[in-house]
């Protein structure tokens, strides 16, 4: 009877240890899931921002697929000290 009780106590201890391990693993998994969801949301927001900017620039016929040309356009706008808040006409040709 005593040996059987000892085996059961060992089994209970073993199961307790397994439960503790699984609880820790669950916590780590939930944390990793939350980080992945946050990264996905950031990526989704970045893609939406890029898509919106791309469409708006397309409306003004500013090419964004040619990075060198796009960089030159931005550089030229910067050199002219362009102020989008100003009250003067804004026409640029590409």
N, C-alpha and C. Protein backbone atom coordinates (compact mmCIF):
# COMPACT_ATOMS: atom_id res chain seq x y z
N UNK A 1 0.81 -1.19 0.00
CA UNK A 1 0.00 0.00 0.00
C UNK A 1 0.86 1.26 0.00
N UNK A 2 1.93 1.27 0.78
CA UNK A 2 2.82 2.43 0.87
C UNK A 2 3.53 2.71 -0.44
N UNK A 3 3.93 1.64 -1.14
CA UNK A 3 4.63 1.82 -2.42
C UNK A 3 3.69 2.38 -3.48
N UNK A 4 2.45 1.93 -3.46
CA UNK A 4 1.45 2.43 -4.42
C UNK A 4 1.18 3.92 -4.18
N UNK A 5 1.10 4.30 -2.91
CA UNK A 5 0.90 5.71 -2.56
C UNK A 5 2.08 6.54 -3.04
N UNK A 6 3.28 6.04 -2.88
CA UNK A 6 4.49 6.74 -3.31
C UNK A 6 4.50 6.93 -4.82
N UNK A 7 4.09 5.87 -5.56
CA UNK A 7 4.01 5.96 -7.03
C UNK A 7 2.99 7.02 -7.44
N UNK A 8 1.84 7.02 -6.77
CA UNK A 8 0.81 8.01 -7.09
C UNK A 8 1.28 9.43 -6.79
N UNK A 9 1.98 9.60 -5.68
CA UNK A 9 2.52 10.93 -5.35
C UNK A 9 3.54 11.37 -6.39
N UNK A 10 4.37 10.45 -6.84
CA UNK A 10 5.35 10.77 -7.89
C UNK A 10 4.64 11.14 -9.19
N UNK A 11 3.58 10.40 -9.50
CA UNK A 11 2.81 10.69 -10.72
C UNK A 11 2.16 12.07 -10.62
N UNK A 12 1.61 12.39 -9.43
CA UNK A 12 1.00 13.71 -9.22
C UNK A 12 2.07 14.80 -9.39
N UNK A 13 3.25 14.58 -8.83
CA UNK A 13 4.35 15.55 -8.95
C UNK A 13 4.75 15.72 -10.41
N UNK A 14 4.86 14.60 -11.12
CA UNK A 14 5.24 14.62 -12.54
C UNK A 14 4.20 15.40 -13.34
N UNK A 15 2.92 15.13 -13.09
CA UNK A 15 1.85 15.84 -13.79
C UNK A 15 1.85 17.33 -13.44
N UNK A 16 2.15 17.65 -12.18
CA UNK A 16 2.25 19.07 -11.77
C UNK A 16 3.37 19.78 -12.51
N UNK A 17 4.51 19.09 -12.63
CA UNK A 17 5.64 19.66 -13.37
C UNK A 17 5.28 19.88 -14.84
N UNK A 18 4.60 18.88 -15.44
CA UNK A 18 4.19 19.00 -16.84
C UNK A 18 3.22 20.16 -17.01
N UNK A 19 2.30 20.32 -16.06
CA UNK A 19 1.34 21.42 -16.12
C UNK A 19 2.05 22.77 -16.05
N UNK A 20 3.04 22.86 -15.18
CA UNK A 20 3.81 24.10 -15.05
C UNK A 20 4.55 24.40 -16.36
N UNK A 21 5.17 23.37 -16.94
CA UNK A 21 5.88 23.54 -18.22
C UNK A 21 4.93 23.99 -19.32
N UNK A 22 3.78 23.34 -19.40
CA UNK A 22 2.80 23.69 -20.43
C UNK A 22 2.26 25.10 -20.23
N UNK A 23 2.08 25.51 -18.99
CA UNK A 23 1.60 26.86 -18.70
C UNK A 23 2.63 27.89 -19.17
N UNK A 24 3.91 27.62 -18.91
CA UNK A 24 4.96 28.53 -19.36
C UNK A 24 5.02 28.58 -20.89
N UNK A 25 4.93 27.42 -21.54
CA UNK A 25 4.95 27.36 -23.01
C UNK A 25 3.76 28.11 -23.60
N UNK A 26 2.60 27.97 -22.96
CA UNK A 26 1.41 28.68 -23.43
C UNK A 26 1.62 30.18 -23.35
N UNK A 27 2.20 30.64 -22.25
CA UNK A 27 2.46 32.07 -22.06
C UNK A 27 3.41 32.59 -23.14
N UNK A 28 4.48 31.84 -23.39
CA UNK A 28 5.44 32.23 -24.43
C UNK A 28 4.76 32.25 -25.81
N UNK A 29 3.95 31.24 -26.09
CA UNK A 29 3.25 31.16 -27.37
C UNK A 29 2.29 32.33 -27.55
N UNK A 30 1.58 32.69 -26.49
CA UNK A 30 0.66 33.82 -26.56
C UNK A 30 1.41 35.12 -26.81
N UNK A 31 2.55 35.26 -26.18
CA UNK A 31 3.38 36.45 -26.38
C UNK A 31 3.87 36.53 -27.83
N UNK A 32 4.36 35.41 -28.35
CA UNK A 32 4.82 35.37 -29.75
C UNK A 32 3.67 35.66 -30.72
N UNK A 33 2.50 35.12 -30.42
CA UNK A 33 1.32 35.38 -31.25
C UNK A 33 0.99 36.87 -31.25
N UNK A 34 1.03 37.50 -30.08
CA UNK A 34 0.72 38.92 -29.98
C UNK A 34 1.72 39.77 -30.74
N UNK A 35 2.98 39.40 -30.67
CA UNK A 35 4.01 40.12 -31.43
C UNK A 35 3.77 39.96 -32.93
N UNK A 36 3.46 38.74 -33.36
CA UNK A 36 3.19 38.50 -34.78
C UNK A 36 1.99 39.29 -35.26
N UNK A 37 0.94 39.35 -34.45
CA UNK A 37 -0.25 40.12 -34.83
C UNK A 37 0.07 41.61 -34.91
N UNK A 38 0.87 42.10 -33.98
CA UNK A 38 1.26 43.51 -34.01
C UNK A 38 2.09 43.81 -35.26
N UNK A 39 3.03 42.91 -35.58
CA UNK A 39 3.84 43.10 -36.79
C UNK A 39 2.98 43.07 -38.04
N UNK A 40 1.99 42.18 -38.07
CA UNK A 40 1.09 42.11 -39.22
C UNK A 40 0.31 43.41 -39.36
N UNK A 41 -0.14 43.98 -38.26
CA UNK A 41 -0.90 45.22 -38.30
C UNK A 41 -0.03 46.36 -38.80
N UNK A 42 1.23 46.40 -38.34
CA UNK A 42 2.16 47.43 -38.80
C UNK A 42 2.39 47.27 -40.30
N UNK A 43 2.62 46.06 -40.74
CA UNK A 43 2.83 45.80 -42.17
C UNK A 43 1.60 46.21 -42.97
N UNK A 44 0.43 45.87 -42.48
CA UNK A 44 -0.82 46.22 -43.16
C UNK A 44 -0.96 47.74 -43.26
N UNK A 45 -0.66 48.45 -42.17
CA UNK A 45 -0.74 49.91 -42.18
C UNK A 45 0.29 50.52 -43.12
N UNK A 46 1.51 49.97 -43.12
CA UNK A 46 2.55 50.47 -44.03
C UNK A 46 2.16 50.27 -45.49
N UNK A 47 1.62 49.10 -45.80
CA UNK A 47 1.20 48.84 -47.18
C UNK A 47 0.06 49.75 -47.60
N UNK A 48 -0.87 50.02 -46.71
CA UNK A 48 -1.98 50.92 -47.03
C UNK A 48 -1.44 52.33 -47.26
N UNK A 49 -0.53 52.77 -46.40
CA UNK A 49 0.06 54.10 -46.55
C UNK A 49 0.77 54.19 -47.91
N UNK A 50 1.57 53.19 -48.23
CA UNK A 50 2.30 53.19 -49.50
C UNK A 50 1.33 53.19 -50.68
N UNK A 51 0.30 52.38 -50.60
CA UNK A 51 -0.68 52.29 -51.68
C UNK A 51 -1.40 53.63 -51.85
N UNK A 52 -1.78 54.25 -50.75
CA UNK A 52 -2.46 55.55 -50.82
C UNK A 52 -1.56 56.63 -51.43
N UNK A 53 -0.30 56.68 -50.99
CA UNK A 53 0.65 57.66 -51.53
C UNK A 53 0.88 57.41 -53.01
N UNK A 54 1.03 56.16 -53.37
CA UNK A 54 1.27 55.80 -54.77
C UNK A 54 0.11 56.26 -55.64
N UNK A 55 -1.13 56.03 -55.18
CA UNK A 55 -2.30 56.45 -55.96
C UNK A 55 -2.38 57.96 -56.06
N UNK A 56 -2.09 58.66 -54.98
CA UNK A 56 -2.15 60.12 -55.02
C UNK A 56 -1.09 60.69 -55.96
N UNK A 57 0.11 60.13 -55.91
CA UNK A 57 1.17 60.59 -56.82
C UNK A 57 0.81 60.28 -58.26
N UNK A 58 0.16 59.14 -58.48
CA UNK A 58 -0.27 58.78 -59.83
C UNK A 58 -1.26 59.81 -60.36
N UNK A 59 -2.13 60.33 -59.47
CA UNK A 59 -3.08 61.37 -59.88
C UNK A 59 -2.37 62.61 -60.40
N UNK A 60 -1.20 62.89 -59.88
CA UNK A 60 -0.40 64.04 -60.33
C UNK A 60 0.63 63.65 -61.39
N UNK A 61 0.51 62.46 -61.88
CA UNK A 61 1.39 61.91 -62.91
C UNK A 61 2.86 61.93 -62.49
N UNK A 62 3.08 61.64 -61.23
CA UNK A 62 4.45 61.53 -60.71
C UNK A 62 4.78 60.05 -60.62
N UNK A 63 5.74 59.59 -61.42
CA UNK A 63 6.06 58.16 -61.43
C UNK A 63 6.81 57.75 -60.15
N UNK A 64 6.39 56.66 -59.57
CA UNK A 64 7.08 56.16 -58.38
C UNK A 64 7.79 54.84 -58.66
N UNK A 65 7.54 54.23 -59.82
CA UNK A 65 8.19 52.97 -60.15
C UNK A 65 9.66 53.15 -60.52
N UNK A 66 9.98 54.31 -61.07
CA UNK A 66 11.37 54.63 -61.40
C UNK A 66 11.95 55.41 -60.21
N UNK A 67 12.64 54.70 -59.32
CA UNK A 67 13.10 55.33 -58.08
C UNK A 67 14.05 56.49 -58.33
N UNK A 68 14.92 56.38 -59.32
CA UNK A 68 15.86 57.46 -59.60
C UNK A 68 15.12 58.71 -60.04
N UNK A 69 14.18 58.55 -60.96
CA UNK A 69 13.39 59.69 -61.42
C UNK A 69 12.58 60.29 -60.28
N UNK A 70 11.97 59.44 -59.48
CA UNK A 70 11.19 59.90 -58.34
C UNK A 70 12.07 60.68 -57.36
N UNK A 71 13.25 60.17 -57.07
CA UNK A 71 14.17 60.86 -56.16
C UNK A 71 14.58 62.21 -56.73
N UNK A 72 14.82 62.27 -58.04
CA UNK A 72 15.18 63.55 -58.68
C UNK A 72 14.03 64.55 -58.57
N UNK A 73 12.81 64.09 -58.77
CA UNK A 73 11.64 64.98 -58.66
C UNK A 73 11.55 65.55 -57.25
N UNK A 74 11.68 64.69 -56.26
CA UNK A 74 11.60 65.13 -54.86
C UNK A 74 12.74 66.10 -54.56
N UNK A 75 13.92 65.80 -55.06
CA UNK A 75 15.07 66.68 -54.85
C UNK A 75 14.82 68.05 -55.47
N UNK A 76 14.29 68.06 -56.69
CA UNK A 76 14.00 69.34 -57.36
C UNK A 76 12.93 70.13 -56.63
N UNK A 77 11.92 69.45 -56.14
CA UNK A 77 10.88 70.13 -55.36
C UNK A 77 11.50 70.75 -54.11
N UNK A 78 12.38 70.01 -53.47
CA UNK A 78 13.04 70.49 -52.26
C UNK A 78 13.93 71.70 -52.58
N UNK A 79 14.63 71.65 -53.70
CA UNK A 79 15.51 72.76 -54.08
C UNK A 79 14.72 74.04 -54.34
N UNK A 80 13.51 73.91 -54.83
CA UNK A 80 12.66 75.08 -55.12
C UNK A 80 11.99 75.61 -53.86
N UNK A 81 12.22 75.00 -52.74
CA UNK A 81 11.60 75.37 -51.48
C UNK A 81 10.08 75.39 -51.60
N UNK A 82 9.56 74.36 -52.26
CA UNK A 82 8.12 74.25 -52.47
C UNK A 82 7.39 74.13 -51.15
N UNK A 83 6.34 74.93 -50.99
CA UNK A 83 5.52 74.90 -49.78
C UNK A 83 4.09 74.57 -50.18
N UNK A 84 3.61 73.37 -49.87
CA UNK A 84 2.26 72.98 -50.28
C UNK A 84 1.17 73.81 -49.60
N UNK A 85 1.52 74.54 -48.54
CA UNK A 85 0.55 75.37 -47.83
C UNK A 85 0.46 76.77 -48.43
N UNK A 86 1.35 77.10 -49.36
CA UNK A 86 1.39 78.45 -49.92
C UNK A 86 0.20 78.71 -50.85
N UNK A 87 -0.05 80.01 -51.13
CA UNK A 87 -1.18 80.42 -51.97
C UNK A 87 -0.78 80.68 -53.41
N UNK A 88 0.24 80.04 -53.92
CA UNK A 88 0.62 80.23 -55.31
C UNK A 88 0.31 78.96 -56.10
N UNK A 89 0.16 79.10 -57.41
CA UNK A 89 -0.16 77.91 -58.23
C UNK A 89 0.95 76.86 -58.15
N UNK A 90 0.55 75.65 -58.21
CA UNK A 90 1.53 74.55 -58.12
C UNK A 90 1.40 73.66 -59.34
N UNK A 91 2.23 73.92 -60.33
CA UNK A 91 2.25 73.07 -61.52
C UNK A 91 3.67 72.61 -61.73
N UNK A 92 3.82 71.32 -61.84
CA UNK A 92 5.11 70.72 -62.13
C UNK A 92 4.95 69.79 -63.31
N UNK A 93 5.92 69.77 -64.18
CA UNK A 93 5.89 68.83 -65.28
C UNK A 93 6.99 67.83 -65.09
N UNK A 94 6.70 66.63 -65.49
CA UNK A 94 7.66 65.54 -65.33
C UNK A 94 8.25 65.20 -66.67
